[in-house]
């Protein structure tokens, strides 16, 4: 069991590296295998690790420009994280990814509402999660660009840099 977890962590790292370095055709089989084997080891999809893997699958499909499939994986990952009380930071990252996929598919209003809810979740942690706040502000800036509110977009991007 210990070696299986180590192998899966290594495979996940390799998949992420390959996908982020534009070798998606090489990274995708590793990503698919990690999901399959983690499901087998854990025995259920209802686990934060599976939620994170779903998020990584979404990233992979986003890089392939398949935004519909990316949104599907992001939403599945977010749902799993909600149901399993995943750490707040992991939850915020998934919400931001769902919002980004909504923006790509023209669902700007829904994306803005989701981002605003994410900011509310972080209100109780003013000095923590600066990287998550930066991600949120960047996504919000992109949302404002979609609705031609360039002044608010600029303010959001400035806040992203501040964090």
N, C-alpha and C. Protein backbone atom coordinates (compact mmCIF):
# COMPACT_ATOMS: atom_id res chain seq x y z
N UNK A 1 0.83 -1.20 0.00
CA UNK A 1 0.00 0.00 0.00
C UNK A 1 0.87 1.26 0.00
N UNK A 2 1.92 1.27 0.82
CA UNK A 2 2.80 2.43 0.87
C UNK A 2 3.42 2.71 -0.49
N UNK A 3 3.88 1.67 -1.15
CA UNK A 3 4.51 1.86 -2.46
C UNK A 3 3.51 2.29 -3.52
N UNK A 4 2.29 1.79 -3.42
CA UNK A 4 1.25 2.19 -4.36
C UNK A 4 1.00 3.70 -4.25
N UNK A 5 0.89 4.22 -3.03
CA UNK A 5 0.69 5.66 -2.85
C UNK A 5 1.87 6.45 -3.39
N UNK A 6 3.06 5.99 -3.15
CA UNK A 6 4.26 6.67 -3.66
C UNK A 6 4.27 6.67 -5.19
N UNK A 7 3.94 5.53 -5.77
CA UNK A 7 3.88 5.43 -7.23
C UNK A 7 2.83 6.39 -7.79
N UNK A 8 1.67 6.43 -7.15
CA UNK A 8 0.59 7.30 -7.64
C UNK A 8 0.94 8.77 -7.49
N UNK A 9 1.61 9.13 -6.40
CA UNK A 9 2.05 10.52 -6.23
C UNK A 9 3.05 10.90 -7.32
N UNK A 10 3.96 9.98 -7.61
CA UNK A 10 4.97 10.23 -8.65
C UNK A 10 4.31 10.34 -10.02
N UNK A 11 3.38 9.44 -10.30
CA UNK A 11 2.67 9.49 -11.58
C UNK A 11 1.88 10.78 -11.72
N UNK A 12 1.26 11.24 -10.62
CA UNK A 12 0.49 12.49 -10.66
C UNK A 12 1.42 13.66 -10.94
N UNK A 13 2.56 13.69 -10.28
CA UNK A 13 3.53 14.77 -10.52
C UNK A 13 4.02 14.76 -11.96
N UNK A 14 4.28 13.58 -12.48
CA UNK A 14 4.71 13.47 -13.88
C UNK A 14 3.62 13.95 -14.83
N UNK A 15 2.38 13.54 -14.56
CA UNK A 15 1.26 13.97 -15.41
C UNK A 15 1.13 15.49 -15.40
N UNK A 16 1.19 16.08 -14.22
CA UNK A 16 1.08 17.55 -14.12
C UNK A 16 2.22 18.22 -14.87
N UNK A 17 3.44 17.73 -14.67
CA UNK A 17 4.59 18.31 -15.36
C UNK A 17 4.41 18.23 -16.88
N UNK A 18 4.06 17.05 -17.38
CA UNK A 18 3.90 16.88 -18.82
C UNK A 18 2.77 17.76 -19.36
N UNK A 19 1.66 17.82 -18.64
CA UNK A 19 0.54 18.65 -19.10
C UNK A 19 0.89 20.13 -19.10
N UNK A 20 1.60 20.58 -18.08
CA UNK A 20 1.95 22.00 -17.99
C UNK A 20 3.06 22.38 -18.97
N UNK A 21 3.84 21.39 -19.43
CA UNK A 21 4.90 21.68 -20.39
C UNK A 21 4.46 21.38 -21.82
N UNK A 22 3.14 21.38 -22.02
CA UNK A 22 2.53 21.18 -23.34
C UNK A 22 2.84 19.83 -23.98
N UNK A 23 3.05 18.82 -23.15
CA UNK A 23 3.18 17.44 -23.61
C UNK A 23 1.95 16.66 -23.16
N UNK A 24 0.79 17.22 -23.45
CA UNK A 24 -0.47 16.67 -22.96
C UNK A 24 -0.69 15.25 -23.47
N UNK A 25 -0.30 14.98 -24.72
CA UNK A 25 -0.49 13.63 -25.26
C UNK A 25 0.29 12.60 -24.46
N UNK A 26 1.38 13.00 -23.82
CA UNK A 26 2.15 12.10 -22.96
C UNK A 26 1.62 12.11 -21.52
N UNK A 27 1.12 13.25 -21.07
CA UNK A 27 0.64 13.38 -19.70
C UNK A 27 -0.73 12.79 -19.47
N UNK A 28 -1.59 12.84 -20.49
CA UNK A 28 -2.97 12.37 -20.32
C UNK A 28 -3.06 10.90 -19.89
N UNK A 29 -2.30 9.98 -20.49
CA UNK A 29 -2.40 8.59 -20.02
C UNK A 29 -2.02 8.42 -18.55
N UNK A 30 -1.04 9.17 -18.10
CA UNK A 30 -0.66 9.10 -16.69
C UNK A 30 -1.79 9.63 -15.81
N UNK A 31 -2.40 10.74 -16.24
CA UNK A 31 -3.49 11.34 -15.48
C UNK A 31 -4.67 10.38 -15.38
N UNK A 32 -5.01 9.76 -16.50
CA UNK A 32 -6.12 8.79 -16.51
C UNK A 32 -5.81 7.59 -15.60
N UNK A 33 -4.57 7.12 -15.65
CA UNK A 33 -4.18 5.97 -14.84
C UNK A 33 -4.21 6.31 -13.35
N UNK A 34 -3.77 7.51 -13.00
CA UNK A 34 -3.82 7.93 -11.59
C UNK A 34 -5.26 7.94 -11.09
N UNK A 35 -6.17 8.49 -11.88
CA UNK A 35 -7.57 8.52 -11.47
C UNK A 35 -8.12 7.10 -11.29
N UNK A 36 -7.84 6.25 -12.25
CA UNK A 36 -8.33 4.86 -12.18
C UNK A 36 -7.78 4.14 -10.95
N UNK A 37 -6.49 4.26 -10.72
CA UNK A 37 -5.86 3.53 -9.61
C UNK A 37 -6.23 4.12 -8.25
N UNK A 38 -6.36 5.44 -8.17
CA UNK A 38 -6.78 6.05 -6.90
C UNK A 38 -8.20 5.61 -6.55
N UNK A 39 -9.06 5.58 -7.54
CA UNK A 39 -10.43 5.10 -7.29
C UNK A 39 -10.40 3.67 -6.75
N UNK A 40 -9.54 2.85 -7.33
CA UNK A 40 -9.44 1.46 -6.88
C UNK A 40 -8.90 1.38 -5.45
N UNK A 41 -7.84 2.13 -5.17
CA UNK A 41 -7.22 2.10 -3.84
C UNK A 41 -8.16 2.65 -2.77
N UNK A 42 -8.80 3.78 -3.07
CA UNK A 42 -9.66 4.43 -2.09
C UNK A 42 -11.01 3.72 -1.99
N UNK A 43 -11.51 3.21 -3.11
CA UNK A 43 -12.76 2.48 -3.11
C UNK A 43 -14.00 3.33 -3.28
N UNK A 44 -13.81 4.64 -3.46
CA UNK A 44 -14.95 5.55 -3.64
C UNK A 44 -14.45 6.82 -4.31
N UNK A 45 -15.37 7.54 -4.93
CA UNK A 45 -15.03 8.86 -5.47
C UNK A 45 -15.16 9.94 -4.39
N UNK A 46 -15.81 9.62 -3.31
CA UNK A 46 -16.11 10.59 -2.26
C UNK A 46 -14.92 10.76 -1.31
N UNK A 47 -13.83 11.32 -1.82
CA UNK A 47 -12.61 11.53 -1.04
C UNK A 47 -11.90 12.76 -1.59
N UNK A 48 -11.33 13.61 -0.71
CA UNK A 48 -10.66 14.83 -1.20
C UNK A 48 -9.57 14.58 -2.23
N UNK A 49 -8.87 13.45 -2.14
CA UNK A 49 -7.83 13.15 -3.13
C UNK A 49 -8.45 13.01 -4.52
N UNK A 50 -9.60 12.35 -4.59
CA UNK A 50 -10.28 12.21 -5.89
C UNK A 50 -10.73 13.59 -6.38
N UNK A 51 -11.18 14.45 -5.47
CA UNK A 51 -11.55 15.81 -5.84
C UNK A 51 -10.38 16.56 -6.44
N UNK A 52 -9.20 16.39 -5.86
CA UNK A 52 -7.99 17.05 -6.40
C UNK A 52 -7.62 16.48 -7.76
N UNK A 53 -7.74 15.18 -7.91
CA UNK A 53 -7.43 14.57 -9.21
C UNK A 53 -8.41 15.06 -10.27
N UNK A 54 -9.69 15.19 -9.89
CA UNK A 54 -10.68 15.73 -10.83
C UNK A 54 -10.28 17.14 -11.26
N UNK A 55 -9.80 17.93 -10.31
CA UNK A 55 -9.34 19.28 -10.62
C UNK A 55 -8.17 19.22 -11.61
N UNK A 56 -7.23 18.30 -11.37
CA UNK A 56 -6.09 18.16 -12.28
C UNK A 56 -6.54 17.71 -13.68
N UNK A 57 -7.56 16.87 -13.72
CA UNK A 57 -8.12 16.47 -15.02
C UNK A 57 -8.71 17.70 -15.73
N UNK A 58 -9.38 18.56 -14.96
CA UNK A 58 -9.93 19.78 -15.53
C UNK A 58 -8.84 20.67 -16.11
N UNK A 59 -7.74 20.80 -15.39
CA UNK A 59 -6.61 21.59 -15.89
C UNK A 59 -6.12 21.02 -17.21
N UNK A 60 -6.00 19.69 -17.26
CA UNK A 60 -5.52 19.05 -18.47
C UNK A 60 -6.45 19.35 -19.66
N UNK A 61 -7.76 19.21 -19.45
CA UNK A 61 -8.70 19.48 -20.55
C UNK A 61 -8.75 20.96 -20.90
N UNK A 62 -8.54 21.81 -19.92
CA UNK A 62 -8.47 23.25 -20.22
C UNK A 62 -7.28 23.54 -21.12
N UNK A 63 -6.16 22.91 -20.85
CA UNK A 63 -4.97 23.11 -21.69
C UNK A 63 -5.18 22.55 -23.09
N UNK A 64 -6.07 21.55 -23.21
CA UNK A 64 -6.40 20.99 -24.51
C UNK A 64 -7.46 21.84 -25.22
N UNK A 65 -7.92 22.89 -24.56
CA UNK A 65 -8.96 23.80 -25.07
C UNK A 65 -10.33 23.13 -25.15
N UNK A 66 -10.51 22.07 -24.39
CA UNK A 66 -11.82 21.41 -24.30
C UNK A 66 -12.48 21.92 -23.02
N UNK A 67 -13.05 23.12 -23.11
CA UNK A 67 -13.56 23.82 -21.93
C UNK A 67 -14.81 23.15 -21.35
N UNK A 68 -15.59 22.50 -22.19
CA UNK A 68 -16.76 21.78 -21.70
C UNK A 68 -16.33 20.63 -20.79
N UNK A 69 -15.37 19.86 -21.24
CA UNK A 69 -14.87 18.72 -20.45
C UNK A 69 -14.14 19.23 -19.21
N UNK A 70 -13.40 20.31 -19.35
CA UNK A 70 -12.70 20.90 -18.20
C UNK A 70 -13.71 21.30 -17.13
N UNK A 71 -14.77 21.98 -17.55
CA UNK A 71 -15.80 22.42 -16.59
C UNK A 71 -16.44 21.22 -15.90
N UNK A 72 -16.67 20.16 -16.64
CA UNK A 72 -17.26 18.95 -16.06
C UNK A 72 -16.37 18.38 -14.95
N UNK A 73 -15.08 18.27 -15.22
CA UNK A 73 -14.16 17.76 -14.19
C UNK A 73 -14.02 18.74 -13.03
N UNK A 74 -13.93 20.03 -13.32
CA UNK A 74 -13.83 21.02 -12.25
C UNK A 74 -15.05 20.95 -11.33
N UNK A 75 -16.23 20.86 -11.93
CA UNK A 75 -17.46 20.80 -11.12
C UNK A 75 -17.51 19.51 -10.30
N UNK A 76 -17.11 18.39 -10.90
CA UNK A 76 -17.08 17.13 -10.14
C UNK A 76 -16.11 17.22 -8.97
N UNK A 77 -14.93 17.80 -9.23
CA UNK A 77 -13.95 17.96 -8.16
C UNK A 77 -14.46 18.85 -7.05
N UNK A 78 -15.11 19.95 -7.42
CA UNK A 78 -15.67 20.87 -6.44
C UNK A 78 -16.75 20.19 -5.61
N UNK A 79 -17.61 19.43 -6.27
CA UNK A 79 -18.68 18.73 -5.56
C UNK A 79 -18.09 17.74 -4.53
N UNK A 80 -17.09 17.01 -4.94
CA UNK A 80 -16.45 16.06 -4.03
C UNK A 80 -15.82 16.79 -2.85
N UNK A 81 -15.15 17.90 -3.13
CA UNK A 81 -14.52 18.66 -2.05
C UNK A 81 -15.56 19.22 -1.09
N UNK A 82 -16.71 19.65 -1.61
CA UNK A 82 -17.80 20.14 -0.74
C UNK A 82 -18.29 19.02 0.16
N UNK A 83 -18.48 17.85 -0.41
CA UNK A 83 -19.04 16.72 0.34
C UNK A 83 -18.07 16.12 1.35
N UNK A 84 -16.78 16.33 1.15
CA UNK A 84 -15.79 15.70 2.02
C UNK A 84 -15.08 16.69 2.93
N UNK A 85 -15.58 17.92 2.96
CA UNK A 85 -14.97 18.95 3.81
C UNK A 85 -13.47 19.08 3.57
N UNK A 86 -13.11 19.20 2.32
CA UNK A 86 -11.70 19.38 1.94
C UNK A 86 -11.19 20.68 2.54
N UNK A 87 -9.88 20.84 2.64
CA UNK A 87 -9.32 22.10 3.16
C UNK A 87 -9.80 23.30 2.35
N UNK A 88 -9.97 24.41 3.03
CA UNK A 88 -10.51 25.62 2.40
C UNK A 88 -9.72 26.03 1.17
N UNK A 89 -8.41 25.99 1.25
CA UNK A 89 -7.60 26.41 0.11
C UNK A 89 -7.88 25.55 -1.12
N UNK A 90 -7.98 24.25 -0.93
CA UNK A 90 -8.28 23.35 -2.05
C UNK A 90 -9.65 23.66 -2.63
N UNK A 91 -10.57 23.97 -1.76
CA UNK A 91 -11.93 24.30 -2.16
C UNK A 91 -11.94 25.59 -3.01
N UNK A 92 -11.22 26.60 -2.55
CA UNK A 92 -11.15 27.89 -3.26
C UNK A 92 -10.51 27.71 -4.64
N UNK A 93 -9.47 26.91 -4.72
CA UNK A 93 -8.82 26.66 -6.01
C UNK A 93 -9.82 26.04 -6.98
N UNK A 94 -10.59 25.07 -6.50
CA UNK A 94 -11.59 24.44 -7.37
C UNK A 94 -12.67 25.42 -7.79
N UNK A 95 -13.14 26.25 -6.86
CA UNK A 95 -14.15 27.25 -7.21
C UNK A 95 -13.61 28.21 -8.27
N UNK A 96 -12.36 28.61 -8.12
CA UNK A 96 -11.75 29.52 -9.09
C UNK A 96 -11.66 28.85 -10.46
N UNK A 97 -11.30 27.57 -10.47
CA UNK A 97 -11.22 26.86 -11.75
C UNK A 97 -12.59 26.73 -12.41
N UNK A 98 -13.62 26.45 -11.63
CA UNK A 98 -14.97 26.39 -12.18
C UNK A 98 -15.34 27.76 -12.76
N UNK A 99 -15.03 28.82 -12.03
CA UNK A 99 -15.35 30.18 -12.50
C UNK A 99 -14.61 30.47 -13.81
N UNK A 100 -13.34 30.10 -13.89
CA UNK A 100 -12.59 30.31 -15.13
C UNK A 100 -13.24 29.57 -16.30
N UNK A 101 -13.67 28.34 -16.06
CA UNK A 101 -14.31 27.59 -17.15
C UNK A 101 -15.65 28.21 -17.53
N UNK A 102 -16.36 28.77 -16.55
CA UNK A 102 -17.61 29.47 -16.86
C UNK A 102 -17.34 30.70 -17.72
N UNK A 103 -16.27 31.42 -17.40
CA UNK A 103 -15.92 32.60 -18.19
C UNK A 103 -15.61 32.21 -19.64
N UNK A 104 -14.91 31.09 -19.82
CA UNK A 104 -14.56 30.63 -21.17
C UNK A 104 -15.80 30.27 -21.97
N UNK A 105 -16.84 29.83 -21.28
CA UNK A 105 -18.05 29.42 -21.99
C UNK A 105 -19.12 30.51 -22.00
N UNK A 106 -18.73 31.74 -21.60
CA UNK A 106 -19.65 32.87 -21.70
C UNK A 106 -20.64 33.01 -20.57
N UNK A 107 -20.47 32.28 -19.49
CA UNK A 107 -21.38 32.34 -18.35
C UNK A 107 -20.80 33.26 -17.28
N UNK A 108 -20.62 34.50 -17.66
CA UNK A 108 -19.93 35.48 -16.83
C UNK A 108 -20.64 35.76 -15.51
N UNK A 109 -21.95 35.96 -15.56
CA UNK A 109 -22.70 36.27 -14.33
C UNK A 109 -22.53 35.17 -13.29
N UNK A 110 -22.66 33.92 -13.71
CA UNK A 110 -22.51 32.80 -12.79
C UNK A 110 -21.08 32.74 -12.23
N UNK A 111 -20.11 33.04 -13.08
CA UNK A 111 -18.71 33.04 -12.64
C UNK A 111 -18.48 34.10 -11.57
N UNK A 112 -19.03 35.29 -11.78
CA UNK A 112 -18.85 36.38 -10.81
C UNK A 112 -19.49 36.02 -9.47
N UNK A 113 -20.67 35.44 -9.50
CA UNK A 113 -21.34 35.03 -8.25
C UNK A 113 -20.48 33.99 -7.52
N UNK A 114 -19.95 33.04 -8.25
CA UNK A 114 -19.10 32.01 -7.64
C UNK A 114 -17.84 32.63 -7.02
N UNK A 115 -17.22 33.56 -7.72
CA UNK A 115 -16.03 34.22 -7.19
C UNK A 115 -16.36 35.05 -5.95
N UNK A 116 -17.48 35.75 -5.99
CA UNK A 116 -17.88 36.54 -4.81
C UNK A 116 -18.11 35.63 -3.61
N UNK A 117 -18.70 34.46 -3.82
CA UNK A 117 -18.89 33.51 -2.73
C UNK A 117 -17.55 33.02 -2.19
N UNK A 118 -16.59 32.84 -3.07
CA UNK A 118 -15.26 32.42 -2.63
C UNK A 118 -14.62 33.49 -1.76
N UNK A 119 -14.77 34.75 -2.16
CA UNK A 119 -14.22 35.83 -1.33
C UNK A 119 -14.86 35.82 0.05
N UNK A 120 -16.17 35.58 0.11
CA UNK A 120 -16.85 35.53 1.41
C UNK A 120 -16.30 34.43 2.29
N UNK A 121 -15.98 33.28 1.68
CA UNK A 121 -15.40 32.17 2.45
C UNK A 121 -14.08 32.57 3.10
N UNK A 122 -13.34 33.44 2.42
CA UNK A 122 -12.02 33.84 2.92
C UNK A 122 -12.08 35.01 3.89
N UNK A 123 -13.25 35.62 4.08
CA UNK A 123 -13.37 36.77 4.98
C UNK A 123 -12.89 36.47 6.40
N UNK A 124 -13.06 35.25 6.85
CA UNK A 124 -12.65 34.88 8.21
C UNK A 124 -11.15 34.68 8.34
N UNK A 125 -10.42 34.74 7.23
CA UNK A 125 -8.98 34.49 7.23
C UNK A 125 -8.25 35.62 6.52
N UNK A 126 -8.29 36.83 7.10
CA UNK A 126 -7.74 38.00 6.38
C UNK A 126 -6.25 37.90 6.07
N UNK A 127 -5.47 37.22 6.88
CA UNK A 127 -4.03 37.19 6.63
C UNK A 127 -3.56 35.87 6.04
N UNK A 128 -4.47 34.93 5.87
CA UNK A 128 -4.09 33.62 5.33
C UNK A 128 -4.51 33.49 3.87
N UNK A 129 -3.97 32.51 3.21
CA UNK A 129 -4.37 32.14 1.86
C UNK A 129 -4.17 33.26 0.84
N UNK A 130 -3.06 33.97 0.95
CA UNK A 130 -2.82 35.07 0.02
C UNK A 130 -2.75 34.58 -1.43
N UNK A 131 -2.20 33.37 -1.65
CA UNK A 131 -2.14 32.87 -3.02
C UNK A 131 -3.53 32.56 -3.56
N UNK A 132 -4.42 32.07 -2.70
CA UNK A 132 -5.80 31.82 -3.13
C UNK A 132 -6.50 33.14 -3.45
N UNK A 133 -6.26 34.15 -2.63
CA UNK A 133 -6.87 35.46 -2.89
C UNK A 133 -6.35 36.04 -4.21
N UNK A 134 -5.07 35.85 -4.47
CA UNK A 134 -4.50 36.33 -5.72
C UNK A 134 -5.17 35.66 -6.92
N UNK A 135 -5.37 34.34 -6.82
CA UNK A 135 -6.07 33.61 -7.88
C UNK A 135 -7.48 34.16 -8.09
N UNK A 136 -8.17 34.40 -6.98
CA UNK A 136 -9.54 34.92 -7.07
C UNK A 136 -9.58 36.30 -7.73
N UNK A 137 -8.66 37.17 -7.32
CA UNK A 137 -8.66 38.52 -7.90
C UNK A 137 -8.32 38.48 -9.39
N UNK A 138 -7.42 37.59 -9.77
CA UNK A 138 -7.09 37.46 -11.20
C UNK A 138 -8.31 36.99 -11.99
N UNK A 139 -8.99 35.98 -11.47
CA UNK A 139 -10.20 35.49 -12.14
C UNK A 139 -11.27 36.57 -12.20
N UNK A 140 -11.41 37.34 -11.11
CA UNK A 140 -12.39 38.41 -11.10
C UNK A 140 -12.02 39.47 -12.14
N UNK A 141 -10.75 39.78 -12.28
CA UNK A 141 -10.31 40.72 -13.30
C UNK A 141 -10.69 40.25 -14.70
N UNK A 142 -10.50 38.96 -14.94
CA UNK A 142 -10.89 38.40 -16.24
C UNK A 142 -12.40 38.46 -16.44
N UNK A 143 -13.15 38.27 -15.37
CA UNK A 143 -14.61 38.37 -15.47
C UNK A 143 -15.03 39.79 -15.84
N UNK A 144 -14.40 40.77 -15.20
CA UNK A 144 -14.73 42.16 -15.51
C UNK A 144 -14.37 42.52 -16.95
N UNK A 145 -13.30 41.93 -17.47
CA UNK A 145 -12.95 42.17 -18.88
C UNK A 145 -14.06 41.64 -19.78
N UNK A 146 -14.61 40.49 -19.44
CA UNK A 146 -15.68 39.88 -20.26
C UNK A 146 -16.91 40.77 -20.35
N UNK A 147 -17.16 41.57 -19.29
CA UNK A 147 -18.32 42.46 -19.32
C UNK A 147 -17.92 43.91 -19.62
N UNK A 148 -16.72 44.08 -20.16
CA UNK A 148 -16.21 45.39 -20.59
C UNK A 148 -16.13 46.41 -19.46
N UNK A 149 -15.88 45.94 -18.24
CA UNK A 149 -15.69 46.84 -17.11
C UNK A 149 -14.19 46.88 -16.83
N UNK A 150 -13.49 47.67 -17.63
CA UNK A 150 -12.04 47.67 -17.60
C UNK A 150 -11.47 48.34 -16.35
N UNK A 151 -12.19 49.29 -15.81
CA UNK A 151 -11.73 49.95 -14.58
C UNK A 151 -11.71 48.95 -13.42
N UNK A 152 -12.79 48.19 -13.26
CA UNK A 152 -12.84 47.17 -12.20
C UNK A 152 -11.83 46.06 -12.48
N UNK A 153 -11.64 45.73 -13.75
CA UNK A 153 -10.66 44.70 -14.11
C UNK A 153 -9.26 45.13 -13.67
N UNK A 154 -8.92 46.38 -13.95
CA UNK A 154 -7.60 46.88 -13.56
C UNK A 154 -7.42 46.84 -12.04
N UNK A 155 -8.47 47.23 -11.31
CA UNK A 155 -8.41 47.19 -9.84
C UNK A 155 -8.23 45.76 -9.34
N UNK A 156 -8.93 44.84 -9.97
CA UNK A 156 -8.83 43.43 -9.56
C UNK A 156 -7.42 42.89 -9.83
N UNK A 157 -6.85 43.23 -10.96
CA UNK A 157 -5.51 42.76 -11.28
C UNK A 157 -4.48 43.37 -10.32
N UNK A 158 -4.69 44.64 -9.95
CA UNK A 158 -3.79 45.26 -8.97
C UNK A 158 -3.85 44.51 -7.64
N UNK A 159 -5.06 44.14 -7.21
CA UNK A 159 -5.21 43.40 -5.96
C UNK A 159 -4.57 42.01 -6.08
N UNK A 160 -4.66 41.40 -7.25
CA UNK A 160 -4.03 40.09 -7.45
C UNK A 160 -2.52 40.19 -7.25
N UNK A 161 -1.95 41.28 -7.72
CA UNK A 161 -0.50 41.48 -7.58
C UNK A 161 -0.14 41.78 -6.12
N UNK A 162 -1.00 42.51 -5.41
CA UNK A 162 -0.73 42.85 -4.01
C UNK A 162 -0.60 41.61 -3.13
N UNK A 163 -1.37 40.56 -3.44
CA UNK A 163 -1.32 39.36 -2.63
C UNK A 163 -0.15 38.52 -3.09
